[in-house]
Amino acid sequence: RDVWDTAAEIPQEGYFRACREFNDDVSRRTCPTCDTEHAPI
């Protein structure tokens, strides 16, 4: 999960940044419950 304040970061900036960070970090794409690694977006 990625949370931001829209007063500082508009939604589209948040979507793009959060997806890039999700893609760049395999630990963020790996389920903590079942260890399934999800593909980058």
PDB file of all heavy atoms in Angstrom:
ATOM      1  N   ARG A   1       0.850  -1.193   0.000  1.00  0.00           N
ATOM      2  CA  ARG A   1       0.000   0.000   0.000  1.00  0.00           C
ATOM      3  C   ARG A   1       0.880   1.235   0.000  1.00  0.00           C
ATOM      4  O   ARG A   1       1.927   1.259   0.622  1.00  0.00           O
ATOM      5  CB  ARG A   1      -0.908   0.009   1.222  1.00  0.00           C
ATOM      6  CG  ARG A   1      -1.829   1.217   1.300  1.00  0.00           C
ATOM      7  CD  ARG A   1      -2.697   1.187   2.542  1.00  0.00           C
ATOM      8  NE  ARG A   1      -3.629   0.068   2.480  1.00  0.00           N
ATOM      9  CZ  ARG A   1      -4.859   0.090   2.971  1.00  0.00           C
ATOM     10  NH1 ARG A   1      -5.301   1.172   3.585  1.00  0.00           N
ATOM     11  NH2 ARG A   1      -5.633  -0.960   2.888  1.00  0.00           N
ATOM     12  N   ASP A   2       0.417   2.279  -0.693  1.00  0.00           N
ATOM     13  CA  ASP A   2       1.119   3.556  -0.717  1.00  0.00           C
ATOM     14  C   ASP A   2       0.078   4.652  -0.484  1.00  0.00           C
ATOM     15  O   ASP A   2      -0.941   4.681  -1.171  1.00  0.00           O
ATOM     16  CB  ASP A   2       1.805   3.750  -2.072  1.00  0.00           C
ATOM     17  CG  ASP A   2       2.801   4.883  -2.039  1.00  0.00           C
ATOM     18  OD1 ASP A   2       2.357   6.047  -1.970  1.00  0.00           O
ATOM     19  OD2 ASP A   2       4.007   4.620  -2.074  1.00  0.00           O
ATOM     20  N   VAL A   3       0.335   5.534   0.491  1.00  0.00           N
ATOM     21  CA  VAL A   3      -0.600   6.593   0.867  1.00  0.00           C
ATOM     22  C   VAL A   3       0.075   7.942   0.666  1.00  0.00           C
ATOM     23  O   VAL A   3       1.259   8.092   0.945  1.00  0.00           O
ATOM     24  CB  VAL A   3      -1.013   6.452   2.356  1.00  0.00           C
ATOM     25  CG1 VAL A   3      -2.007   7.535   2.750  1.00  0.00           C
ATOM     26  CG2 VAL A   3      -1.571   5.067   2.634  1.00  0.00           C
ATOM     27  N   TRP A   4      -0.699   8.941   0.193  1.00  0.00           N
ATOM     28  CA  TRP A   4      -0.166  10.296   0.044  1.00  0.00           C
ATOM     29  C   TRP A   4      -1.276  11.310   0.298  1.00  0.00           C
ATOM     30  O   TRP A   4      -2.453  10.983   0.231  1.00  0.00           O
ATOM     31  CB  TRP A   4       0.463  10.513  -1.336  1.00  0.00           C
ATOM     32  CG  TRP A   4      -0.512  10.430  -2.459  1.00  0.00           C
ATOM     33  CD1 TRP A   4      -1.219  11.450  -3.030  1.00  0.00           C
ATOM     34  CD2 TRP A   4      -0.907   9.255  -3.160  1.00  0.00           C
ATOM     35  NE1 TRP A   4      -2.033  10.979  -4.030  1.00  0.00           N
ATOM     36  CE2 TRP A   4      -1.852   9.627  -4.126  1.00  0.00           C
ATOM     37  CE3 TRP A   4      -0.562   7.910  -3.050  1.00  0.00           C
ATOM     38  CZ2 TRP A   4      -2.460   8.715  -4.991  1.00  0.00           C
ATOM     39  CZ3 TRP A   4      -1.163   6.999  -3.904  1.00  0.00           C
ATOM     40  CH2 TRP A   4      -2.091   7.401  -4.862  1.00  0.00           C
ATOM     41  N   ASP A   5      -0.863  12.524   0.577  1.00  0.00           N
ATOM     42  CA  ASP A   5      -1.783  13.638   0.788  1.00  0.00           C
ATOM     43  C   ASP A   5      -1.932  14.374  -0.547  1.00  0.00           C
ATOM     44  O   ASP A   5      -0.944  14.868  -1.099  1.00  0.00           O
ATOM     45  CB  ASP A   5      -1.241  14.573   1.865  1.00  0.00           C
ATOM     46  CG  ASP A   5      -2.214  15.677   2.240  1.00  0.00           C
ATOM     47  OD1 ASP A   5      -3.164  15.948   1.474  1.00  0.00           O
ATOM     48  OD2 ASP A   5      -2.001  16.290   3.302  1.00  0.00           O
ATOM     49  N   THR A   6      -3.149  14.472  -1.051  1.00  0.00           N
ATOM     50  CA  THR A   6      -3.379  15.095  -2.356  1.00  0.00           C
ATOM     51  C   THR A   6      -3.133  16.604  -2.335  1.00  0.00           C
ATOM     52  O   THR A   6      -3.061  17.220  -3.394  1.00  0.00           O
ATOM     53  CB  THR A   6      -4.796  14.815  -2.869  1.00  0.00           C
ATOM     54  OG1 THR A   6      -5.756  15.342  -1.947  1.00  0.00           O
ATOM     55  CG2 THR A   6      -5.019  13.315  -3.056  1.00  0.00           C
ATOM     56  N   ALA A   7      -2.967  17.193  -1.155  1.00  0.00           N
ATOM     57  CA  ALA A   7      -2.606  18.615  -1.092  1.00  0.00           C
ATOM     58  C   ALA A   7      -1.155  18.814  -1.509  1.00  0.00           C
ATOM     59  O   ALA A   7      -0.780  19.890  -1.993  1.00  0.00           O
ATOM     60  CB  ALA A   7      -2.825  19.160   0.318  1.00  0.00           C
ATOM     61  N   ALA A   8      -0.331  17.779  -1.343  1.00  0.00           N
ATOM     62  CA  ALA A   8       1.086  17.868  -1.704  1.00  0.00           C
ATOM     63  C   ALA A   8       1.396  17.137  -3.012  1.00  0.00           C
ATOM     64  O   ALA A   8       2.280  17.553  -3.757  1.00  0.00           O
ATOM     65  CB  ALA A   8       1.934  17.277  -0.580  1.00  0.00           C
ATOM     66  N   GLU A   9       0.706  16.050  -3.264  1.00  0.00           N
ATOM     67  CA  GLU A   9       0.960  15.221  -4.440  1.00  0.00           C
ATOM     68  C   GLU A   9      -0.386  14.900  -5.082  1.00  0.00           C
ATOM     69  O   GLU A   9      -1.217  14.234  -4.468  1.00  0.00           O
ATOM     70  CB  GLU A   9       1.686  13.936  -4.022  1.00  0.00           C
ATOM     71  CG  GLU A   9       2.100  13.046  -5.151  1.00  0.00           C
ATOM     72  CD  GLU A   9       2.896  11.829  -4.671  1.00  0.00           C
ATOM     73  OE1 GLU A   9       2.665  11.358  -3.539  1.00  0.00           O
ATOM     74  OE2 GLU A   9       3.739  11.367  -5.436  1.00  0.00           O
ATOM     75  N   ILE A  10      -0.611  15.405  -6.292  1.00  0.00           N
ATOM     76  CA  ILE A  10      -1.908  15.168  -6.929  1.00  0.00           C
ATOM     77  C   ILE A  10      -2.052  13.679  -7.256  1.00  0.00           C
ATOM     78  O   ILE A  10      -1.054  12.958  -7.366  1.00  0.00           O
ATOM     79  CB  ILE A  10      -2.118  16.076  -8.165  1.00  0.00           C
ATOM     80  CG1 ILE A  10      -1.084  15.805  -9.243  1.00  0.00           C
ATOM     81  CG2 ILE A  10      -2.144  17.540  -7.760  1.00  0.00           C
ATOM     82  CD1 ILE A  10      -1.331  16.612 -10.519  1.00  0.00           C
ATOM     83  N   PRO A  11      -3.294  13.202  -7.362  1.00  0.00           N
ATOM     84  CA  PRO A  11      -3.511  11.761  -7.531  1.00  0.00           C
ATOM     85  C   PRO A  11      -2.683  11.118  -8.641  1.00  0.00           C
ATOM     86  O   PRO A  11      -2.081  10.059  -8.433  1.00  0.00           O
ATOM     87  CB  PRO A  11      -5.010  11.663  -7.808  1.00  0.00           C
ATOM     88  CG  PRO A  11      -5.593  12.813  -7.049  1.00  0.00           C
ATOM     89  CD  PRO A  11      -4.580  13.918  -7.229  1.00  0.00           C
ATOM     90  N   GLN A  12      -2.625  11.739  -9.807  1.00  0.00           N
ATOM     91  CA  GLN A  12      -1.911  11.133 -10.927  1.00  0.00           C
ATOM     92  C   GLN A  12      -0.422  10.988 -10.628  1.00  0.00           C
ATOM     93  O   GLN A  12       0.202  10.002 -11.030  1.00  0.00           O
ATOM     94  CB  GLN A  12      -2.119  11.957 -12.205  1.00  0.00           C
ATOM     95  CG  GLN A  12      -3.546  11.989 -12.686  1.00  0.00           C
ATOM     96  CD  GLN A  12      -4.420  12.995 -11.944  1.00  0.00           C
ATOM     97  OE1 GLN A  12      -3.995  13.679 -11.013  1.00  0.00           O
ATOM     98  NE2 GLN A  12      -5.672  13.104 -12.354  1.00  0.00           N
ATOM     99  N   GLU A  13       0.161  11.951  -9.907  1.00  0.00           N
ATOM    100  CA  GLU A  13       1.557  11.826  -9.481  1.00  0.00           C
ATOM    101  C   GLU A  13       1.708  10.644  -8.525  1.00  0.00           C
ATOM    102  O   GLU A  13       2.670   9.879  -8.613  1.00  0.00           O
ATOM    103  CB  GLU A  13       2.019  13.107  -8.792  1.00  0.00           C
ATOM    104  CG  GLU A  13       2.141  14.295  -9.709  1.00  0.00           C
ATOM    105  CD  GLU A  13       2.316  15.618  -8.965  1.00  0.00           C
ATOM    106  OE1 GLU A  13       1.933  15.741  -7.783  1.00  0.00           O
ATOM    107  OE2 GLU A  13       2.852  16.550  -9.598  1.00  0.00           O
ATOM    108  N   GLY A  14       0.757  10.515  -7.617  1.00  0.00           N
ATOM    109  CA  GLY A  14       0.791   9.413  -6.662  1.00  0.00           C
ATOM    110  C   GLY A  14       0.656   8.058  -7.339  1.00  0.00           C
ATOM    111  O   GLY A  14       1.381   7.117  -7.000  1.00  0.00           O
ATOM    112  N   TYR A  15      -0.263   7.935  -8.301  1.00  0.00           N
ATOM    113  CA  TYR A  15      -0.430   6.663  -9.019  1.00  0.00           C
ATOM    114  C   TYR A  15       0.881   6.266  -9.694  1.00  0.00           C
ATOM    115  O   TYR A  15       1.327   5.125  -9.588  1.00  0.00           O
ATOM    116  CB  TYR A  15      -1.501   6.748 -10.108  1.00  0.00           C
ATOM    117  CG  TYR A  15      -2.871   7.219  -9.690  1.00  0.00           C
ATOM    118  CD1 TYR A  15      -3.721   7.784 -10.624  1.00  0.00           C
ATOM    119  CD2 TYR A  15      -3.335   7.101  -8.384  1.00  0.00           C
ATOM    120  CE1 TYR A  15      -4.981   8.220 -10.282  1.00  0.00           C
ATOM    121  CE2 TYR A  15      -4.594   7.540  -8.028  1.00  0.00           C
ATOM    122  CZ  TYR A  15      -5.426   8.109  -8.983  1.00  0.00           C
ATOM    123  OH  TYR A  15      -6.673   8.546  -8.649  1.00  0.00           O
ATOM    124  N   PHE A  16       1.461   7.225 -10.425  1.00  0.00           N
ATOM    125  CA  PHE A  16       2.666   6.943 -11.200  1.00  0.00           C
ATOM    126  C   PHE A  16       3.834   6.585 -10.284  1.00  0.00           C
ATOM    127  O   PHE A  16       4.527   5.577 -10.493  1.00  0.00           O
ATOM    128  CB  PHE A  16       2.995   8.150 -12.083  1.00  0.00           C
ATOM    129  CG  PHE A  16       4.032   7.887 -13.129  1.00  0.00           C
ATOM    130  CD1 PHE A  16       3.886   6.869 -14.049  1.00  0.00           C
ATOM    131  CD2 PHE A  16       5.158   8.681 -13.207  1.00  0.00           C
ATOM    132  CE1 PHE A  16       4.840   6.630 -15.023  1.00  0.00           C
ATOM    133  CE2 PHE A  16       6.127   8.456 -14.178  1.00  0.00           C
ATOM    134  CZ  PHE A  16       5.968   7.426 -15.081  1.00  0.00           C
ATOM    135  N   ARG A  17       4.042   7.378  -9.243  1.00  0.00           N
ATOM    136  CA  ARG A  17       5.146   7.117  -8.309  1.00  0.00           C
ATOM    137  C   ARG A  17       4.961   5.768  -7.612  1.00  0.00           C
ATOM    138  O   ARG A  17       5.887   4.957  -7.528  1.00  0.00           O
ATOM    139  CB  ARG A  17       5.250   8.232  -7.269  1.00  0.00           C
ATOM    140  CG  ARG A  17       6.375   8.010  -6.259  1.00  0.00           C
ATOM    141  CD  ARG A  17       6.304   8.968  -5.088  1.00  0.00           C
ATOM    142  NE  ARG A  17       4.972   9.088  -4.512  1.00  0.00           N
ATOM    143  CZ  ARG A  17       4.379   8.158  -3.760  1.00  0.00           C
ATOM    144  NH1 ARG A  17       4.987   7.006  -3.497  1.00  0.00           N
ATOM    145  NH2 ARG A  17       3.177   8.353  -3.267  1.00  0.00           N
ATOM    146  N   ALA A  18       3.749   5.521  -7.101  1.00  0.00           N
ATOM    147  CA  ALA A  18       3.495   4.279  -6.364  1.00  0.00           C
ATOM    148  C   ALA A  18       3.699   3.057  -7.253  1.00  0.00           C
ATOM    149  O   ALA A  18       4.279   2.051  -6.802  1.00  0.00           O
ATOM    150  CB  ALA A  18       2.087   4.294  -5.783  1.00  0.00           C
ATOM    151  N   CYS A  19       3.251   3.120  -8.490  1.00  0.00           N
ATOM    152  CA  CYS A  19       3.432   1.982  -9.404  1.00  0.00           C
ATOM    153  C   CYS A  19       4.904   1.773  -9.744  1.00  0.00           C
ATOM    154  O   CYS A  19       5.369   0.628  -9.808  1.00  0.00           O
ATOM    155  CB  CYS A  19       2.607   2.178 -10.675  1.00  0.00           C
ATOM    156  SG  CYS A  19       0.829   1.972 -10.431  1.00  0.00           S
ATOM    157  N   ARG A  20       5.644   2.859  -9.943  1.00  0.00           N
ATOM    158  CA  ARG A  20       7.088   2.723 -10.212  1.00  0.00           C
ATOM    159  C   ARG A  20       7.794   2.090  -9.017  1.00  0.00           C
ATOM    160  O   ARG A  20       8.632   1.192  -9.178  1.00  0.00           O
ATOM    161  CB  ARG A  20       7.702   4.084 -10.531  1.00  0.00           C
ATOM    162  CG  ARG A  20       7.463   4.557 -11.942  1.00  0.00           C
ATOM    163  CD  ARG A  20       8.345   5.754 -12.306  1.00  0.00           C
ATOM    164  NE  ARG A  20       8.705   6.576 -11.185  1.00  0.00           N
ATOM    165  CZ  ARG A  20       8.257   7.809 -10.952  1.00  0.00           C
ATOM    166  NH1 ARG A  20       7.443   8.396 -11.791  1.00  0.00           N
ATOM    167  NH2 ARG A  20       8.628   8.484  -9.878  1.00  0.00           N
ATOM    168  N   GLU A  21       7.449   2.539  -7.808  1.00  0.00           N
ATOM    169  CA  GLU A  21       8.070   1.980  -6.605  1.00  0.00           C
ATOM    170  C   GLU A  21       7.685   0.517  -6.414  1.00  0.00           C
ATOM    171  O   GLU A  21       8.513  -0.300  -6.002  1.00  0.00           O
ATOM    172  CB  GLU A  21       7.702   2.813  -5.379  1.00  0.00           C
ATOM    173  CG  GLU A  21       8.364   4.183  -5.386  1.00  0.00           C
ATOM    174  CD  GLU A  21       7.900   5.095  -4.266  1.00  0.00           C
ATOM    175  OE1 GLU A  21       7.058   4.676  -3.435  1.00  0.00           O
ATOM    176  OE2 GLU A  21       8.374   6.245  -4.219  1.00  0.00           O
ATOM    177  N   PHE A  22       6.450   0.173  -6.719  1.00  0.00           N
ATOM    178  CA  PHE A  22       5.989  -1.223  -6.667  1.00  0.00           C
ATOM    179  C   PHE A  22       6.817  -2.062  -7.642  1.00  0.00           C
ATOM    180  O   PHE A  22       7.298  -3.145  -7.300  1.00  0.00           O
ATOM    181  CB  PHE A  22       4.498  -1.269  -7.015  1.00  0.00           C
ATOM    182  CG  PHE A  22       3.883  -2.633  -6.973  1.00  0.00           C
ATOM    183  CD1 PHE A  22       3.491  -3.215  -5.776  1.00  0.00           C
ATOM    184  CD2 PHE A  22       3.653  -3.338  -8.149  1.00  0.00           C
ATOM    185  CE1 PHE A  22       2.897  -4.473  -5.744  1.00  0.00           C
ATOM    186  CE2 PHE A  22       3.057  -4.592  -8.132  1.00  0.00           C
ATOM    187  CZ  PHE A  22       2.683  -5.161  -6.921  1.00  0.00           C
ATOM    188  N   ASN A  23       7.009  -1.551  -8.848  1.00  0.00           N
ATOM    189  CA  ASN A  23       7.778  -2.268  -9.866  1.00  0.00           C
ATOM    190  C   ASN A  23       9.237  -2.447  -9.468  1.00  0.00           C
ATOM    191  O   ASN A  23       9.836  -3.488  -9.736  1.00  0.00           O
ATOM    192  CB  ASN A  23       7.720  -1.534 -11.207  1.00  0.00           C
ATOM    193  CG  ASN A  23       6.400  -1.704 -11.909  1.00  0.00           C
ATOM    194  OD1 ASN A  23       5.546  -2.478 -11.497  1.00  0.00           O
ATOM    195  ND2 ASN A  23       6.211  -0.959 -12.976  1.00  0.00           N
ATOM    196  N   ASP A  24       9.819  -1.426  -8.838  1.00  0.00           N
ATOM    197  CA  ASP A  24      11.254  -1.412  -8.547  1.00  0.00           C
ATOM    198  C   ASP A  24      11.664  -2.233  -7.326  1.00  0.00           C
ATOM    199  O   ASP A  24      12.842  -2.483  -7.127  1.00  0.00           O
ATOM    200  CB  ASP A  24      11.746   0.025  -8.357  1.00  0.00           C
ATOM    201  CG  ASP A  24      11.696   0.829  -9.641  1.00  0.00           C
ATOM    202  OD1 ASP A  24      11.582   0.226 -10.737  1.00  0.00           O
ATOM    203  OD2 ASP A  24      11.759   2.082  -9.549  1.00  0.00           O
ATOM    204  N   ASP A  25      10.698  -2.649  -6.517  1.00  0.00           N
ATOM    205  CA  ASP A  25      11.027  -3.319  -5.256  1.00  0.00           C
ATOM    206  C   ASP A  25      10.314  -4.671  -5.187  1.00  0.00           C
ATOM    207  O   ASP A  25       9.109  -4.725  -4.924  1.00  0.00           O
ATOM    208  CB  ASP A  25      10.616  -2.423  -4.088  1.00  0.00           C
ATOM    209  CG  ASP A  25      11.025  -2.970  -2.736  1.00  0.00           C
ATOM    210  OD1 ASP A  25      11.491  -4.127  -2.643  1.00  0.00           O
ATOM    211  OD2 ASP A  25      10.861  -2.229  -1.742  1.00  0.00           O
ATOM    212  N   VAL A  26      11.050  -5.752  -5.420  1.00  0.00           N
ATOM    213  CA  VAL A  26      10.441  -7.084  -5.420  1.00  0.00           C
ATOM    214  C   VAL A  26       9.790  -7.407  -4.075  1.00  0.00           C
ATOM    215  O   VAL A  26       8.785  -8.121  -4.025  1.00  0.00           O
ATOM    216  CB  VAL A  26      11.454  -8.170  -5.851  1.00  0.00           C
ATOM    217  CG1 VAL A  26      12.501  -8.408  -4.782  1.00  0.00           C
ATOM    218  CG2 VAL A  26      10.755  -9.450  -6.236  1.00  0.00           C
ATOM    219  N   SER A  27      10.313  -6.858  -2.981  1.00  0.00           N
ATOM    220  CA  SER A  27       9.701  -7.128  -1.671  1.00  0.00           C
ATOM    221  C   SER A  27       8.304  -6.510  -1.579  1.00  0.00           C
ATOM    222  O   SER A  27       7.435  -7.054  -0.901  1.00  0.00           O
ATOM    223  CB  SER A  27      10.587  -6.628  -0.530  1.00  0.00           C
ATOM    224  OG  SER A  27      10.659  -5.224  -0.519  1.00  0.00           O
ATOM    225  N   ARG A  28       8.075  -5.393  -2.283  1.00  0.00           N
ATOM    226  CA  ARG A  28       6.735  -4.780  -2.300  1.00  0.00           C
ATOM    227  C   ARG A  28       5.765  -5.584  -3.160  1.00  0.00           C
ATOM    228  O   ARG A  28       4.564  -5.451  -3.015  1.00  0.00           O
ATOM    229  CB  ARG A  28       6.807  -3.348  -2.813  1.00  0.00           C
ATOM    230  CG  ARG A  28       7.513  -2.426  -1.824  1.00  0.00           C
ATOM    231  CD  ARG A  28       7.316  -1.003  -2.150  1.00  0.00           C
ATOM    232  NE  ARG A  28       5.907  -0.658  -1.952  1.00  0.00           N
ATOM    233  CZ  ARG A  28       5.375   0.500  -2.293  1.00  0.00           C
ATOM    234  NH1 ARG A  28       6.107   1.417  -2.861  1.00  0.00           N
ATOM    235  NH2 ARG A  28       4.111   0.757  -2.088  1.00  0.00           N
ATOM    236  N   ARG A  29       6.300  -6.383  -4.081  1.00  0.00           N
ATOM    237  CA  ARG A  29       5.461  -7.193  -4.971  1.00  0.00           C
ATOM    238  C   ARG A  29       5.272  -8.615  -4.460  1.00  0.00           C
ATOM    239  O   ARG A  29       4.594  -9.413  -5.102  1.00  0.00           O
ATOM    240  CB  ARG A  29       6.067  -7.233  -6.379  1.00  0.00           C
ATOM    241  CG  ARG A  29       6.123  -5.896  -7.065  1.00  0.00           C
ATOM    242  CD  ARG A  29       6.405  -6.012  -8.556  1.00  0.00           C
ATOM    243  NE  ARG A  29       7.332  -7.055  -8.921  1.00  0.00           N
ATOM    244  CZ  ARG A  29       8.645  -6.903  -9.101  1.00  0.00           C
ATOM    245  NH1 ARG A  29       9.195  -5.712  -8.928  1.00  0.00           N
ATOM    246  NH2 ARG A  29       9.409  -7.913  -9.451  1.00  0.00           N
ATOM    247  N   THR A  30       5.874  -8.939  -3.323  1.00  0.00           N
ATOM    248  CA  THR A  30       5.790 -10.296  -2.791  1.00  0.00           C
ATOM    249  C   THR A  30       4.791 -10.340  -1.643  1.00  0.00           C
ATOM    250  O   THR A  30       4.901  -9.575  -0.681  1.00  0.00           O
ATOM    251  CB  THR A  30       7.176 -10.777  -2.318  1.00  0.00           C
ATOM    252  OG1 THR A  30       8.077 -10.696  -3.433  1.00  0.00           O
ATOM    253  CG2 THR A  30       7.126 -12.198  -1.811  1.00  0.00           C
ATOM    254  N   CYS A  31       3.828 -11.243  -1.750  1.00  0.00           N
ATOM    255  CA  CYS A  31       2.791 -11.369  -0.718  1.00  0.00           C
ATOM    256  C   CYS A  31       3.421 -11.821   0.592  1.00  0.00           C
ATOM    257  O   CYS A  31       4.112 -12.839   0.636  1.00  0.00           O
ATOM    258  CB  CYS A  31       1.727 -12.379  -1.162  1.00  0.00           C
ATOM    259  SG  CYS A  31       0.428 -12.612   0.064  1.00  0.00           S
ATOM    260  N   PRO A  32       3.180 -11.072   1.676  1.00  0.00           N
ATOM    261  CA  PRO A  32       3.754 -11.452   2.966  1.00  0.00           C
ATOM    262  C   PRO A  32       3.095 -12.697   3.564  1.00  0.00           C
ATOM    263  O   PRO A  32       3.642 -13.301   4.479  1.00  0.00           O
ATOM    264  CB  PRO A  32       3.515 -10.218   3.846  1.00  0.00           C
ATOM    265  CG  PRO A  32       2.357  -9.522   3.223  1.00  0.00           C
ATOM    266  CD  PRO A  32       2.435  -9.818   1.748  1.00  0.00           C
ATOM    267  N   THR A  33       1.935 -13.086   3.036  1.00  0.00           N
ATOM    268  CA  THR A  33       1.220 -14.246   3.574  1.00  0.00           C
ATOM    269  C   THR A  33       1.604 -15.543   2.865  1.00  0.00           C
ATOM    270  O   THR A  33       1.914 -16.533   3.512  1.00  0.00           O
ATOM    271  CB  THR A  33      -0.302 -14.024   3.464  1.00  0.00           C
ATOM    272  OG1 THR A  33      -0.627 -12.816   4.157  1.00  0.00           O
ATOM    273  CG2 THR A  33      -1.078 -15.172   4.062  1.00  0.00           C
ATOM    274  N   CYS A  34       1.603 -15.532   1.526  1.00  0.00           N
ATOM    275  CA  CYS A  34       1.838 -16.776   0.786  1.00  0.00           C
ATOM    276  C   CYS A  34       3.114 -16.755  -0.054  1.00  0.00           C
ATOM    277  O   CYS A  34       3.392 -17.715  -0.765  1.00  0.00           O
ATOM    278  CB  CYS A  34       0.630 -17.110  -0.088  1.00  0.00           C
ATOM    279  SG  CYS A  34       0.395 -16.001  -1.494  1.00  0.00           S
ATOM    280  N   ASP A  35       3.879 -15.657   0.005  1.00  0.00           N
ATOM    281  CA  ASP A  35       5.157 -15.509  -0.712  1.00  0.00           C
ATOM    282  C   ASP A  35       5.035 -15.502  -2.231  1.00  0.00           C
ATOM    283  O   ASP A  35       6.030 -15.680  -2.930  1.00  0.00           O
ATOM    284  CB  ASP A  35       6.175 -16.586  -0.291  1.00  0.00           C
ATOM    285  CG  ASP A  35       6.694 -16.359   1.117  1.00  0.00           C
ATOM    286  OD1 ASP A  35       6.778 -15.187   1.531  1.00  0.00           O
ATOM    287  OD2 ASP A  35       7.001 -17.354   1.802  1.00  0.00           O
ATOM    288  N   THR A  36       3.842 -15.269  -2.764  1.00  0.00           N
ATOM    289  CA  THR A  36       3.690 -15.157  -4.210  1.00  0.00           C
ATOM    290  C   THR A  36       4.291 -13.843  -4.675  1.00  0.00           C
ATOM    291  O   THR A  36       3.978 -12.783  -4.128  1.00  0.00           O
ATOM    292  CB  THR A  36       2.197 -15.204  -4.614  1.00  0.00           C
ATOM    293  OG1 THR A  36       1.648 -16.443  -4.199  1.00  0.00           O
ATOM    294  CG2 THR A  36       2.015 -15.027  -6.112  1.00  0.00           C
ATOM    295  N   GLU A  37       5.168 -13.914  -5.680  1.00  0.00           N
ATOM    296  CA  GLU A  37       5.744 -12.701  -6.253  1.00  0.00           C
ATOM    297  C   GLU A  37       4.868 -12.249  -7.414  1.00  0.00           C
ATOM    298  O   GLU A  37       4.616 -13.012  -8.345  1.00  0.00           O
ATOM    299  CB  GLU A  37       7.166 -12.946  -6.750  1.00  0.00           C
ATOM    300  CG  GLU A  37       7.814 -11.688  -7.287  1.00  0.00           C
ATOM    301  CD  GLU A  37       9.220 -11.917  -7.815  1.00  0.00           C
ATOM    302  OE1 GLU A  37       9.957 -12.731  -7.224  1.00  0.00           O
ATOM    303  OE2 GLU A  37       9.582 -11.273  -8.822  1.00  0.00           O
ATOM    304  N   HIS A  38       4.403 -11.003  -7.347  1.00  0.00           N
ATOM    305  CA  HIS A  38       3.528 -10.443  -8.377  1.00  0.00           C
ATOM    306  C   HIS A  38       4.356  -9.721  -9.431  1.00  0.00           C
ATOM    307  O   HIS A  38       5.382  -9.116  -9.122  1.00  0.00           O
ATOM    308  CB  HIS A  38       2.484  -9.530  -7.739  1.00  0.00           C
ATOM    309  CG  HIS A  38       1.592 -10.290  -6.806  1.00  0.00           C
ATOM    310  ND1 HIS A  38       0.447 -10.896  -7.219  1.00  0.00           N
ATOM    311  CD2 HIS A  38       1.723 -10.578  -5.489  1.00  0.00           C
ATOM    312  CE1 HIS A  38      -0.116 -11.522  -6.188  1.00  0.00           C
ATOM    313  NE2 HIS A  38       0.651 -11.345  -5.123  1.00  0.00           N
ATOM    314  N   ALA A  39       3.904  -9.787 -10.652  1.00  0.00           N
ATOM    315  CA  ALA A  39       4.624  -9.191 -11.783  1.00  0.00           C
ATOM    316  C   ALA A  39       4.608  -7.670 -11.689  1.00  0.00           C
ATOM    317  O   ALA A  39       3.660  -7.075 -11.158  1.00  0.00           O
ATOM    318  CB  ALA A  39       3.988  -9.635 -13.094  1.00  0.00           C
ATOM    319  N   PRO A  40       5.636  -7.028 -12.244  1.00  0.00           N
ATOM    320  CA  PRO A  40       5.618  -5.568 -12.337  1.00  0.00           C
ATOM    321  C   PRO A  40       4.456  -5.108 -13.223  1.00  0.00           C
ATOM    322  O   PRO A  40       3.956  -5.859 -14.062  1.00  0.00           O
ATOM    323  CB  PRO A  40       6.957  -5.226 -12.989  1.00  0.00           C
ATOM    324  CG  PRO A  40       7.813  -6.423 -12.796  1.00  0.00           C
ATOM    325  CD  PRO A  40       6.887  -7.598 -12.756  1.00  0.00           C
ATOM    326  N   ILE A  41       4.050  -3.868 -13.038  1.00  0.00           N
ATOM    327  CA  ILE A  41       2.957  -3.270 -13.805  1.00  0.00           C
ATOM    328  C   ILE A  41       3.523  -2.666 -15.080  1.00  0.00           C
ATOM    329  O   ILE A  41       4.506  -1.920 -15.032  1.00  0.00           O
ATOM    330  CB  ILE A  41       2.262  -2.173 -12.968  1.00  0.00           C
ATOM    331  CG1 ILE A  41       1.665  -2.791 -11.704  1.00  0.00           C
ATOM    332  CG2 ILE A  41       1.207  -1.447 -13.786  1.00  0.00           C
ATOM    333  CD1 ILE A  41       1.358  -1.778 -10.641  1.00  0.00           C
TER     334      ILE A  41
END
